[in-house]
Every structure is written in structure tokens, then in C-alpha cells.
Amino acid sequence: MSTQTTTTWRDDVVARGHGDHGPMTPGAERDAIDAVRFLAADAVERAESGHPGTAMVLAPLITRLYTRWIRHDPSTPDWFDRDRFVLSAGHASLLQYSALHLSGYDVSLDDLRSFRRLGSRTPGHPERGHTPGVEVTTGPLGQGISMAVGLAIAERVLAARFNRPGHDVVDHRTWVIAGDGDLMEGVSSEAASLAGTLGLDRLTVFYDDNHISIEGSTDLAFCEHVARRFDAYGWHVLRVDDVNDLADLDAAVDAARTEHDRPTLVVVGSHIGYGTTKQDDAAAHGLTHDSVGMGEDGPTHQPIEHLASLRAIPGLTVLRPADGNETAAAWRAALESDGPSALILSRQALPGLPTDQVHVGGAVIADGDQATILATGSEVHVALDARDLLAARGVGARVVSLPSWERFRARPGFERDQLVPPQRPTVSVEAGACQGWHEFADAVVGIDRFGLSAPGADALAETGITAEDVADAVLATLDR
């Protein structure tokens, strides 16, 4: 990570202030673009986690945005009439973090070095209020572009209310970088249709058209003609064939600024992983992970509320297996079910359970005679580790895997009591909201807060999902 190059860009931008951007010299601009690319690559490599491909290929676009097009003041990130920038493709967060650092925002080189680490100011996806210069929290695809439509509506409402002839106190634009994944989401379609209907001319969206998603070619699931769709919505649609063509990008922005009746979509052709051996390969995207146990992606990708939400749906059977055998049994149960089922699977590598007992309505994984620990999915292994800690203190705890509440409730009462003896204290553990668990347990170890960006073990420890936390909860119930 070169401090010499970053200092050159920072000083140049700050000297111009408030977005009064004059052109950088060609040499300085090439250095700036390369700096973004290498900062993105280095930070992902250091974190051993992240999505480098998009951040690297869009370096020319983000450099032009922050040095020439966006009105902003790095020394005053909350300046009222600043332009708003939204990175809807939030997985490419290093694209924005690098630009913020290089522009002179309070985002240091050490912040980039601690990308996706516990306590870092550079989490896996952009988070509002966490990093200076980040306007909205993004990550779930389609969400950023939709919020940007809201920002553009807010600008229009404020301008209509407060501007007077010769006194434009509200005079800013909204800029967005979106990707294929964003435009696959239904929420972005609804928001874009509304933007066209309202004629939000101060909204400009750059669509990174690289034809690659996390699974491979977008043709696998997305074959529509995006430009024609946005044209039908009433947008001003432009095309830049190559993101590296800065003159063509400038011309597109000039056209967007002089369009006073419609929002603008700039379709930008690019090659993900540009300049690397993984160019145009889905491997350049990186692995959009999804759980606290795969924690670097941060709270936008840690669905602590989903299990409680799904279990609240009448008639739906929710199944969260803990290993391969339970997964096979859950799949069979879903096929045999008269109604809909949801299988909730873990992404992290998990060992097989130390038993051949499998029952999606609950099974004893390891026995003990003083307390019971209930768990689902990956937390069954946390429960087993807690049992070992308790055994070292002379406390015997039974561990029960409970893949499905609905299947457990359907068992005869005597079977439920045999599995979870009512005369013993019971503690549950699950890396999700505690809601509902008190039906089965005297004490609940769960997560009633949004998560954080950090390696899985650190994220679980910070949110209280560890063997030690579970053991302490069991001891507390025994002391009552």
C-alpha cells in the first residue's frame, strides 16, 4: 500500500475543496486509478476475505467521481448541500473506502489495513455512521439504488420548499454505482420505475455491466436487456463501452447533467478482475457469505432475524440441520411434508455430529443428567463444546439437536419430555434472535442485536455465541 501515491491524490483534492474539481494531470490520474486497484487487492489479500474484482475494474469510474464529478468536502463529510454517492454494489466496499482515503476523508491507511477486522472502520459492506463519507448502509442487492431514489426525491422536495429565484440553497445530485445483482432484485425495479415517473433528473446511476455474477455468467439467471427496460421506465439511457475510456465517461456525465427531465442510467462495460489472471471469471468476484459464523461481510449479511420471521409463518416447516446426515433427513422431511418447508443451511465447514441418531424433530447428540442444551445448525457444535466445559466442572449436560420446532411440537408429549426432561433446567443456543425460544428453554443464548464485520470466530465471540457463554448460562440456571 503506497503512501506516496495516496498523499498526492489527497492533497490535490483537498486543495480544490467543495467539489470545485479541476482536472488532474494524466500522470497523477493514472497513479490514482492504480492506487485504488492495488489498495483494493492488497486489503482483500490481507483480510483473506472480500470481493476484489469489481473494486479493481471500476477504479477509473470511482476516481473520476471523487476527483471531478461529485461536489463534496472531505473535511466536512456532512456538508448539507453535498452530492450524495451510493455504492449499491456494496460488496465492492473497498472501491469507496480507497476513494475516501485518497480524497482526504478521515479514513486512514491503517483503516484499510484492518478491512473486515473486529472494530475496524472499514467493515465488509458500507455502513452509515461507521465510516466518514458513507451515506447509506448497502450490501443486500437492490437496496442501495432504491435508497438513492429516496435521496433524489428528498432533494427535489427540499429544493421545492426552500429555493428561491437566485438562491438555490438546495442544489445537489445523487450518484450511484450498481451491478447486475442490484438490477436482478425486484425492489430496484419498483424504485427505478418510480424515479422515471417522477422525472428525477438529478439522479445518475452507473450500471457495471460485466456479465458476471457470483455463480458465473449472468446468462444463468438474467438475460433481460437492461437498457431497454430503463428506457421503458422513462430514463435517459447512455452507453460507455469501456470503463477505462475516461473521455467517454466524461461525455456521459455531461449528458446526464444537461438532462433536465429524466434520471440517467449509464451502462458501463467492464471486465471483472481487469488485468488479472481471473479477468472475466466469477472467481474474481470473491465468495455476496451469509451468517455471523462467516462474519466478515458484516451486519447486512448476518440475518439474525430470519429464523424468527420464518418460524412465525403459519404452516411453514423450518429446518436447520447441523451436519450432513441431518441435512439429508431434513431434505427428505421437506419432500414428505404436506406444506412448504424452508431449509436453513450453514456456509462454514462443520464436522459430522458424534452420533448416528437423526430425527428432524429433535435428537440426543450427547447425554448428561443435570441440564439440557438445545441447539440448531452450527450451534450444536458450540453446545457440544459447552458440554465439555461443564463436564470439566463436574456438571453433566445433555445436548439436543432441534432442527425443527414444528416437527418437535408435532411429537407426542411423552416423547418431547423424554428428549427434553421438564424437571431439568434447559438452555438454548442459536446465532439468531432469541424470540420464541422461551417456549422450550429456561434461558436463551442468542443475538438480539445487529452483527458486525469481523472474522467468524471474533464475530461470534462479540455477539455472545461461544461455548463459554453457553456454559455460563447453564451454570446460572443451576444456581437459581
Protein backbone atom coordinates (compact mmCIF):
# COMPACT_ATOMS: atom_id res chain seq x y z
CA MET A 1 0.00 0.00 0.00
CA SER A 2 1.82 3.07 -1.28
CA THR A 3 1.61 6.13 0.96
CA GLN A 4 3.37 8.31 -1.61
CA THR A 5 0.66 7.87 -4.24
CA THR A 6 -2.21 8.29 -1.76
CA THR A 7 -0.77 11.54 -0.39
CA THR A 8 -0.58 13.05 -3.89
CA TRP A 9 -4.29 12.46 -4.56
CA ARG A 10 -5.39 13.61 -1.10
CA ASP A 11 -3.53 16.93 -1.27
CA ASP A 12 -4.76 17.60 -4.81
CA VAL A 13 -8.43 17.05 -3.94
CA VAL A 14 -8.40 18.88 -0.61
CA ALA A 15 -6.75 21.92 -2.20
CA ARG A 16 -9.72 22.25 -4.56
CA GLY A 17 -12.32 21.87 -1.77
CA HIS A 18 -16.14 21.63 -2.00
CA GLY A 19 -16.05 19.68 -5.23
CA ASP A 20 -14.59 22.53 -7.29
CA HIS A 21 -12.72 19.97 -9.35
CA GLY A 22 -10.16 20.90 -11.90
CA PRO A 23 -8.62 18.11 -13.96
CA MET A 24 -5.76 16.09 -12.56
CA THR A 25 -2.69 15.67 -14.71
CA PRO A 26 -2.82 12.46 -16.78
CA GLY A 27 0.08 11.00 -14.82
CA ALA A 28 -1.50 11.79 -11.44
CA GLU A 29 -4.79 10.30 -12.60
CA ARG A 30 -3.14 7.08 -13.73
CA ASP A 31 -1.43 6.85 -10.34
CA ALA A 32 -4.76 7.47 -8.60
CA ILE A 33 -6.51 4.73 -10.57
CA ASP A 34 -3.68 2.28 -9.92
CA ALA A 35 -3.72 3.22 -6.24
CA VAL A 36 -7.39 2.29 -5.96
CA ARG A 37 -6.78 -1.02 -7.70
CA PHE A 38 -3.84 -2.02 -5.56
CA LEU A 39 -5.40 -0.83 -2.31
CA ALA A 40 -8.42 -3.00 -3.08
CA ALA A 41 -6.33 -6.03 -3.98
CA ASP A 42 -3.97 -5.64 -1.02
CA ALA A 43 -6.72 -5.14 1.55
CA VAL A 44 -8.66 -8.22 0.40
CA GLU A 45 -5.47 -10.28 0.37
CA ARG A 46 -4.59 -9.10 3.87
CA ALA A 47 -8.08 -9.84 5.21
CA GLU A 48 -8.25 -13.16 3.33
CA SER A 49 -11.85 -12.17 2.68
CA GLY A 50 -13.73 -9.82 0.37
CA HIS A 51 -14.69 -9.06 -3.21
CA PRO A 52 -11.78 -7.55 -5.15
CA GLY A 53 -12.89 -7.93 -8.77
CA THR A 54 -15.42 -5.10 -9.02
CA ALA A 55 -13.36 -2.73 -6.89
CA MET A 56 -10.38 -3.19 -9.20
CA VAL A 57 -12.22 -2.83 -12.51
CA LEU A 58 -14.21 0.26 -11.51
CA ALA A 59 -11.18 2.19 -10.27
CA PRO A 60 -11.35 4.64 -13.24
CA LEU A 61 -15.02 5.36 -12.54
CA ILE A 62 -14.61 5.96 -8.80
CA THR A 63 -11.54 8.11 -9.39
CA ARG A 64 -13.41 10.31 -11.84
CA LEU A 65 -16.38 10.52 -9.47
CA TYR A 66 -14.39 11.70 -6.46
CA THR A 67 -11.94 13.96 -8.25
CA ARG A 68 -14.10 15.55 -10.93
CA TRP A 69 -17.85 14.95 -10.77
CA ILE A 70 -19.05 14.78 -7.16
CA ARG A 71 -19.39 18.00 -5.16
CA HIS A 72 -18.04 17.15 -1.72
CA ASP A 73 -15.74 18.36 1.01
CA PRO A 74 -13.58 15.69 2.68
CA SER A 75 -13.03 17.94 5.69
CA THR A 76 -16.81 18.30 6.19
CA PRO A 77 -18.45 14.98 5.25
CA ASP A 78 -21.87 16.15 6.46
CA TRP A 79 -21.90 19.41 4.46
CA PHE A 80 -25.63 19.87 3.83
CA ASP A 81 -25.59 20.50 0.08
CA ARG A 82 -23.01 17.86 -0.79
CA ASP A 83 -23.71 15.45 -3.60
CA ARG A 84 -24.79 12.03 -2.36
CA PHE A 85 -22.93 8.94 -3.54
CA VAL A 86 -24.37 5.46 -3.01
CA LEU A 87 -22.38 2.29 -3.64
CA SER A 88 -25.32 0.00 -4.28
CA ALA A 89 -22.87 -2.76 -5.21
CA GLY A 90 -21.82 -2.76 -1.57
CA HIS A 91 -19.70 -5.89 -1.87
CA ALA A 92 -17.16 -3.65 -3.66
CA SER A 93 -16.80 -1.56 -0.48
CA LEU A 94 -13.05 -1.17 -0.97
CA LEU A 95 -13.83 0.85 -4.08
CA GLN A 96 -15.38 3.51 -1.86
CA TYR A 97 -13.02 3.14 1.11
CA SER A 98 -10.00 3.62 -1.16
CA ALA A 99 -11.52 6.71 -2.75
CA LEU A 100 -12.42 8.16 0.65
CA HIS A 101 -8.88 7.61 1.90
CA LEU A 102 -7.29 9.02 -1.21
CA SER A 103 -9.63 12.02 -1.23
CA GLY A 104 -8.68 13.08 2.28
CA TYR A 105 -11.59 11.80 4.35
CA ASP A 106 -10.82 10.56 7.84
CA VAL A 107 -10.16 7.05 6.56
CA SER A 108 -6.54 6.14 7.15
CA LEU A 109 -4.22 3.61 5.57
CA ASP A 110 -4.42 1.69 8.85
CA ASP A 111 -8.22 1.61 8.45
CA LEU A 112 -7.73 -0.04 5.06
CA ARG A 113 -5.24 -2.47 6.57
CA SER A 114 -7.85 -3.51 9.14
CA PHE A 115 -10.53 -4.15 6.50
CA ARG A 116 -13.14 -6.64 7.79
CA ARG A 117 -11.46 -6.92 11.22
CA LEU A 118 -13.12 -6.56 14.61
CA GLY A 119 -13.54 -2.90 15.49
CA SER A 120 -12.46 -1.69 12.04
CA ARG A 121 -13.87 1.46 10.45
CA THR A 122 -13.87 -0.40 7.12
CA PRO A 123 -16.43 -3.21 7.50
CA GLY A 124 -17.19 -5.76 4.82
CA HIS A 125 -20.02 -3.64 3.40
CA PRO A 126 -20.51 0.13 3.75
CA GLU A 127 -22.31 1.16 6.95
CA ARG A 128 -23.75 4.62 7.53
CA GLY A 129 -22.42 6.23 10.69
CA HIS A 130 -19.46 3.89 10.76
CA THR A 131 -17.20 5.31 8.05
CA PRO A 132 -16.94 9.04 7.22
CA GLY A 133 -18.34 9.73 3.76
CA VAL A 134 -20.67 6.71 3.62
CA GLU A 135 -24.23 7.95 3.04
CA VAL A 136 -26.25 4.74 3.41
CA THR A 137 -25.73 1.15 4.50
CA THR A 138 -25.60 -1.17 1.48
CA GLY A 139 -24.93 -4.81 0.81
CA PRO A 140 -28.29 -6.52 0.22
CA LEU A 141 -28.56 -6.13 -3.53
CA GLY A 142 -31.10 -3.65 -4.89
CA GLN A 143 -31.25 -1.79 -1.60
CA GLY A 144 -28.73 0.93 -2.41
CA ILE A 145 -30.19 2.02 -5.72
CA SER A 146 -33.63 2.10 -4.12
CA MET A 147 -32.45 4.29 -1.24
CA ALA A 148 -30.75 6.55 -3.78
CA VAL A 149 -34.14 7.11 -5.40
CA GLY A 150 -35.35 8.21 -1.97
CA LEU A 151 -32.39 10.60 -1.63
CA ALA A 152 -33.20 12.09 -5.04
CA ILE A 153 -36.84 12.55 -4.04
CA ALA A 154 -35.72 14.25 -0.81
CA GLU A 155 -33.53 16.67 -2.80
CA ARG A 156 -36.45 17.60 -5.02
CA VAL A 157 -38.81 18.15 -2.07
CA LEU A 158 -36.27 20.30 -0.20
CA ALA A 159 -35.46 22.31 -3.33
CA ALA A 160 -39.15 23.00 -3.95
CA ARG A 161 -39.62 24.10 -0.36
CA PHE A 162 -36.57 26.27 0.21
CA ASN A 163 -35.15 27.51 -3.11
CA ARG A 164 -35.99 30.96 -4.37
CA PRO A 165 -35.02 32.72 -7.62
CA GLY A 166 -31.30 33.40 -7.37
CA HIS A 167 -30.99 31.48 -4.10
CA ASP A 168 -30.60 27.74 -4.74
CA VAL A 169 -29.78 26.62 -1.19
CA VAL A 170 -30.57 23.02 -2.19
CA ASP A 171 -28.58 22.16 -5.28
CA HIS A 172 -27.06 18.68 -5.17
CA ARG A 173 -27.14 15.47 -7.17
CA THR A 174 -27.30 11.75 -6.32
CA TRP A 175 -24.82 9.33 -7.89
CA VAL A 176 -24.98 5.53 -7.79
CA ILE A 177 -22.82 2.58 -8.78
CA ALA A 178 -24.96 -0.54 -9.24
CA GLY A 179 -24.25 -4.01 -10.60
CA ASP A 180 -26.06 -6.89 -12.24
CA GLY A 181 -27.14 -8.26 -8.87
CA ASP A 182 -28.79 -4.96 -7.96
CA LEU A 183 -30.85 -4.92 -11.12
CA MET A 184 -31.97 -8.51 -10.68
CA GLU A 185 -33.80 -7.55 -7.48
CA GLY A 186 -37.47 -6.62 -7.66
CA VAL A 187 -37.09 -3.69 -5.27
CA SER A 188 -34.76 -1.93 -7.70
CA SER A 189 -37.32 -2.32 -10.49
CA GLU A 190 -40.04 -0.68 -8.44
CA ALA A 191 -37.77 2.15 -7.33
CA ALA A 192 -36.43 2.75 -10.85
CA SER A 193 -39.96 2.85 -12.25
CA LEU A 194 -40.91 5.47 -9.65
CA ALA A 195 -37.79 7.52 -10.45
CA GLY A 196 -38.74 7.57 -14.13
CA THR A 197 -42.32 8.52 -13.36
CA LEU A 198 -41.17 11.41 -11.15
CA GLY A 199 -38.53 12.52 -13.65
CA LEU A 200 -35.73 12.66 -11.06
CA ASP A 201 -33.21 14.32 -13.34
CA ARG A 202 -30.59 14.77 -10.59
CA LEU A 203 -30.18 11.01 -10.22
CA THR A 204 -27.42 9.28 -12.21
CA VAL A 205 -26.83 5.53 -11.98
CA PHE A 206 -23.73 3.84 -13.37
CA TYR A 207 -24.58 0.21 -14.15
CA ASP A 208 -21.49 -2.01 -14.11
CA ASP A 209 -22.32 -4.34 -16.99
CA ASN A 210 -19.67 -7.06 -16.63
CA HIS A 211 -21.91 -10.10 -17.32
CA ILE A 212 -20.60 -11.94 -14.25
CA SER A 213 -22.35 -12.88 -11.01
CA ILE A 214 -21.06 -14.89 -8.05
CA GLU A 215 -22.09 -18.18 -9.70
CA GLY A 216 -20.82 -17.45 -13.20
CA SER A 217 -22.22 -15.77 -16.28
CA THR A 218 -25.31 -13.63 -15.69
CA ASP A 219 -26.93 -15.58 -18.53
CA LEU A 220 -27.53 -18.35 -15.99
CA ALA A 221 -30.35 -16.33 -14.44
CA PHE A 222 -30.53 -12.87 -16.02
CA CYS A 223 -30.99 -12.40 -19.74
CA GLU A 224 -33.08 -9.23 -19.98
CA HIS A 225 -31.97 -6.11 -21.86
CA VAL A 226 -31.44 -3.66 -19.01
CA ALA A 227 -31.08 -0.56 -21.19
CA ARG A 228 -34.42 -1.21 -22.87
CA ARG A 229 -36.12 -1.75 -19.50
CA PHE A 230 -34.88 1.56 -18.12
CA ASP A 231 -35.81 3.30 -21.35
CA ALA A 232 -39.33 1.96 -20.85
CA TYR A 233 -39.30 3.36 -17.29
CA GLY A 234 -38.68 6.80 -18.77
CA TRP A 235 -34.95 7.05 -18.04
CA HIS A 236 -32.28 8.72 -20.15
CA VAL A 237 -30.09 5.75 -21.13
CA LEU A 238 -26.45 6.08 -22.23
CA ARG A 239 -23.71 3.58 -23.00
CA VAL A 240 -19.97 3.65 -22.27
CA ASP A 241 -18.36 0.61 -23.86
CA ASP A 242 -15.20 0.59 -21.73
CA VAL A 243 -14.86 1.85 -18.15
CA ASN A 244 -11.25 2.75 -18.92
CA ASP A 245 -12.35 5.30 -21.53
CA LEU A 246 -12.31 8.41 -19.34
CA ALA A 247 -13.30 10.77 -22.15
CA ASP A 248 -16.38 8.67 -22.87
CA LEU A 249 -17.26 8.66 -19.16
CA ASP A 250 -16.93 12.45 -19.06
CA ALA A 251 -19.20 12.80 -22.08
CA ALA A 252 -21.83 10.59 -20.43
CA VAL A 253 -21.73 12.66 -17.24
CA ASP A 254 -22.01 15.89 -19.23
CA ALA A 255 -25.08 14.47 -20.96
CA ALA A 256 -26.57 13.43 -17.61
CA ARG A 257 -26.04 16.90 -16.16
CA THR A 258 -27.73 18.61 -19.10
CA GLU A 259 -30.74 16.26 -18.96
CA HIS A 260 -33.47 18.10 -17.03
CA ASP A 261 -36.46 15.81 -17.43
CA ARG A 262 -35.29 12.26 -16.66
CA PRO A 263 -32.92 10.28 -14.43
CA THR A 264 -29.92 8.85 -16.26
CA LEU A 265 -28.64 5.29 -16.48
CA VAL A 266 -25.10 4.95 -17.80
CA VAL A 267 -24.45 1.36 -18.89
CA VAL A 268 -20.71 0.89 -18.35
CA GLY A 269 -18.97 -2.04 -20.00
CA SER A 270 -16.26 -3.63 -17.86
CA HIS A 271 -14.26 -6.80 -17.32
CA ILE A 272 -14.37 -8.04 -13.73
CA GLY A 273 -10.90 -8.67 -12.34
CA TYR A 274 -9.45 -6.46 -15.08
CA GLY A 275 -5.74 -7.02 -15.64
CA THR A 276 -5.50 -10.19 -13.55
CA THR A 277 -5.42 -13.88 -14.36
CA LYS A 278 -9.06 -14.08 -13.18
CA GLN A 279 -10.39 -11.45 -15.60
CA ASP A 280 -13.96 -12.21 -16.73
CA ASP A 281 -14.09 -15.11 -14.28
CA ALA A 282 -16.65 -15.45 -11.47
CA ALA A 283 -13.73 -16.29 -9.18
CA ALA A 284 -12.74 -12.62 -9.37
CA HIS A 285 -15.95 -11.70 -7.56
CA GLY A 286 -14.93 -13.45 -4.34
CA LEU A 287 -17.12 -15.58 -2.06
CA THR A 288 -22.26 -11.65 -1.52
CA HIS A 289 -21.07 -15.24 2.87
CA ASP A 290 -24.24 -15.17 4.87
CA SER A 291 -24.17 -15.68 8.65
CA VAL A 292 -22.49 -14.44 11.80
CA GLY A 293 -20.27 -17.52 11.59
CA MET A 294 -18.89 -16.18 8.28
CA GLY A 295 -18.69 -12.76 9.80
CA GLU A 296 -16.52 -10.53 7.61
CA ASP A 297 -19.39 -9.35 5.41
CA GLY A 298 -20.95 -7.62 8.39
CA PRO A 299 -24.48 -6.98 9.62
CA THR A 300 -26.07 -6.59 6.19
CA HIS A 301 -25.26 -10.25 5.58
CA GLN A 302 -25.97 -11.61 9.06
CA PRO A 303 -29.69 -12.44 9.09
CA ILE A 304 -30.20 -12.76 12.85
CA GLU A 305 -33.94 -12.08 12.42
CA HIS A 306 -34.70 -14.50 9.60
CA LEU A 307 -35.26 -17.67 11.62
CA ALA A 308 -37.73 -15.96 13.96
CA SER A 309 -39.51 -14.43 10.96
CA LEU A 310 -39.79 -17.74 9.15
CA ARG A 311 -40.97 -19.60 12.25
CA ALA A 312 -43.76 -17.03 12.64
CA ILE A 313 -45.28 -18.00 9.26
CA PRO A 314 -48.25 -20.36 9.78
CA GLY A 315 -47.91 -23.70 8.03
CA LEU A 316 -44.22 -23.36 7.20
CA THR A 317 -41.82 -26.01 8.48
CA VAL A 318 -38.39 -24.54 9.22
CA LEU A 319 -35.46 -26.97 9.25
CA ARG A 320 -31.93 -26.02 10.34
CA PRO A 321 -29.72 -29.15 10.27
CA ALA A 322 -26.33 -29.42 11.98
CA ASP A 323 -24.41 -31.79 9.70
CA GLY A 324 -24.65 -33.81 6.51
CA ASN A 325 -26.83 -36.56 7.97
CA GLU A 326 -29.31 -34.09 9.41
CA THR A 327 -29.32 -32.21 6.11
CA ALA A 328 -30.27 -35.39 4.24
CA ALA A 329 -33.02 -36.08 6.78
CA ALA A 330 -34.28 -32.50 6.54
CA TRP A 331 -34.41 -32.75 2.75
CA ARG A 332 -36.43 -35.95 2.99
CA ALA A 333 -38.75 -34.37 5.56
CA ALA A 334 -39.32 -31.42 3.24
CA LEU A 335 -40.19 -33.73 0.35
CA GLU A 336 -42.62 -35.69 2.52
CA SER A 337 -44.23 -32.59 4.03
CA ASP A 338 -47.80 -31.64 3.06
CA GLY A 339 -46.90 -27.94 3.18
CA PRO A 340 -43.97 -25.65 2.39
CA SER A 341 -40.60 -26.07 4.07
CA ALA A 342 -37.53 -23.86 4.49
CA LEU A 343 -34.07 -25.42 4.82
CA ILE A 344 -31.59 -23.15 6.60
CA LEU A 345 -28.05 -24.32 5.86
CA SER A 346 -24.67 -23.20 7.19
CA ARG A 347 -21.86 -21.96 4.95
CA GLN A 348 -18.91 -22.66 7.21
CA ALA A 349 -17.21 -26.06 7.28
CA LEU A 350 -18.78 -28.21 10.02
CA PRO A 351 -17.73 -31.63 11.34
CA GLY A 352 -20.17 -34.50 11.46
CA LEU A 353 -22.08 -34.95 14.71
CA PRO A 354 -20.71 -37.64 17.06
CA THR A 355 -23.85 -39.76 16.76
CA ASP A 356 -25.89 -41.68 14.23
CA GLN A 357 -29.15 -40.52 15.79
CA VAL A 358 -31.06 -38.34 13.35
CA HIS A 359 -34.56 -37.01 13.86
CA VAL A 360 -35.62 -33.66 12.46
CA GLY A 361 -37.96 -33.29 15.43
CA GLY A 362 -35.01 -33.45 17.82
CA ALA A 363 -32.33 -35.97 18.81
CA VAL A 364 -29.95 -36.51 21.74
CA ILE A 365 -26.42 -35.90 20.48
CA ALA A 366 -24.63 -36.37 23.80
CA ASP A 367 -26.17 -37.25 27.16
CA GLY A 368 -25.97 -35.72 30.62
CA ASP A 369 -28.17 -35.84 33.72
CA GLN A 370 -28.20 -32.31 35.20
CA ALA A 371 -29.18 -29.91 32.41
CA THR A 372 -30.16 -29.83 28.75
CA ILE A 373 -28.71 -27.67 25.99
CA LEU A 374 -30.88 -27.19 22.89
CA ALA A 375 -29.28 -26.01 19.67
CA THR A 376 -29.76 -25.88 15.90
CA GLY A 377 -27.39 -25.91 12.95
CA SER A 378 -23.79 -24.91 13.56
CA GLU A 379 -24.54 -24.04 17.18
CA VAL A 380 -24.97 -27.74 18.01
CA HIS A 381 -21.19 -27.88 17.86
CA VAL A 382 -20.97 -24.88 20.20
CA ALA A 383 -23.28 -26.76 22.57
CA LEU A 384 -21.05 -29.83 22.47
CA ASP A 385 -18.02 -27.71 23.37
CA ALA A 386 -20.01 -26.15 26.21
CA ARG A 387 -20.87 -29.65 27.44
CA ASP A 388 -17.14 -30.44 27.61
CA LEU A 389 -16.50 -27.28 29.64
CA LEU A 390 -19.30 -28.20 32.02
CA ALA A 391 -18.05 -31.77 32.36
CA ALA A 392 -14.67 -30.42 33.48
CA ARG A 393 -16.55 -28.66 36.29
CA GLY A 394 -18.46 -31.81 37.26
CA VAL A 395 -21.74 -30.84 35.56
CA GLY A 396 -23.44 -33.29 33.21
CA ALA A 397 -25.33 -31.66 30.32
CA ARG A 398 -27.38 -33.31 27.60
CA VAL A 399 -27.07 -31.80 24.12
CA VAL A 400 -30.16 -31.99 21.92
CA SER A 401 -30.16 -31.01 18.25
CA LEU A 402 -33.53 -29.46 17.45
CA PRO A 403 -33.58 -28.87 13.68
CA SER A 404 -37.30 -28.09 13.53
CA TRP A 405 -39.57 -26.58 16.17
CA GLU A 406 -42.61 -27.55 14.12
CA ARG A 407 -41.55 -31.19 13.93
CA PHE A 408 -40.72 -31.20 17.65
CA ARG A 409 -44.14 -29.78 18.57
CA ALA A 410 -45.81 -32.47 16.47
CA ARG A 411 -44.26 -35.29 18.53
CA PRO A 412 -46.32 -36.84 21.36
CA GLY A 413 -45.92 -35.15 24.73
CA PHE A 414 -44.15 -38.08 26.36
CA GLU A 415 -41.57 -38.13 23.55
CA ARG A 416 -40.89 -34.41 23.99
CA ASP A 417 -40.46 -34.91 27.72
CA GLN A 418 -38.09 -37.82 27.16
CA LEU A 419 -35.99 -35.69 24.83
CA VAL A 420 -36.08 -32.52 26.95
CA PRO A 421 -36.84 -33.58 30.54
CA PRO A 422 -39.01 -30.86 32.10
CA GLN A 423 -37.52 -31.39 35.57
CA ARG A 424 -34.06 -30.28 34.41
CA PRO A 425 -33.03 -26.70 33.56
CA THR A 426 -32.80 -26.12 29.82
CA VAL A 427 -30.67 -23.61 27.89
CA SER A 428 -30.92 -22.95 24.16
CA VAL A 429 -28.26 -21.55 21.83
CA GLU A 430 -28.73 -20.23 18.32
CA ALA A 431 -26.96 -17.45 16.39
CA GLY A 432 -30.16 -15.54 15.85
CA ALA A 433 -32.91 -13.64 17.65
CA CYS A 434 -33.98 -15.08 21.00
CA GLN A 435 -37.66 -14.63 20.14
CA GLY A 436 -39.66 -17.82 20.61
CA TRP A 437 -37.01 -19.93 22.34
CA HIS A 438 -38.53 -19.42 25.80
CA GLU A 439 -41.23 -21.88 24.78
CA PHE A 440 -38.63 -24.63 25.12
CA ALA A 441 -35.86 -23.24 27.34
CA ASP A 442 -35.40 -21.59 30.74
CA ALA A 443 -32.53 -19.46 29.47
CA VAL A 444 -31.68 -18.38 25.93
CA VAL A 445 -28.28 -17.64 24.37
CA GLY A 446 -28.91 -15.73 21.15
CA ILE A 447 -28.33 -12.46 19.29
CA ASP A 448 -30.81 -9.64 19.81
CA ARG A 449 -28.73 -7.01 18.00
CA PHE A 450 -27.33 -6.48 14.53
CA GLY A 451 -24.00 -8.16 13.89
CA LEU A 452 -20.62 -6.78 12.94
CA SER A 453 -17.84 -7.18 10.40
CA ALA A 454 -15.09 -9.45 11.71
CA PRO A 455 -13.76 -12.98 11.16
CA GLY A 456 -16.38 -15.54 12.15
CA ALA A 457 -14.85 -16.56 15.48
CA ASP A 458 -14.45 -12.92 16.51
CA ALA A 459 -17.99 -12.04 15.44
CA LEU A 460 -19.46 -14.97 17.37
CA ALA A 461 -17.45 -14.08 20.47
CA GLU A 462 -18.52 -10.44 20.26
CA THR A 463 -22.19 -11.43 19.94
CA GLY A 464 -22.01 -13.96 22.78
CA ILE A 465 -22.26 -17.24 20.84
CA THR A 466 -19.41 -19.22 22.39
CA ALA A 467 -19.08 -22.40 24.40
CA GLU A 468 -18.12 -20.29 27.41
CA ASP A 469 -21.29 -18.19 27.11
CA VAL A 470 -23.44 -21.30 26.91
CA ALA A 471 -21.69 -22.99 29.84
CA ASP A 472 -22.13 -19.85 31.95
CA ALA A 473 -25.84 -19.79 31.11
CA VAL A 474 -26.23 -23.42 32.18
CA LEU A 475 -24.40 -22.78 35.47
CA ALA A 476 -26.63 -19.76 36.10
CA THR A 477 -29.80 -21.87 35.69
CA LEU A 478 -28.45 -24.50 38.08
CA ASP A 479 -27.80 -21.79 40.69
CA ARG A 480 -31.36 -20.48 40.62
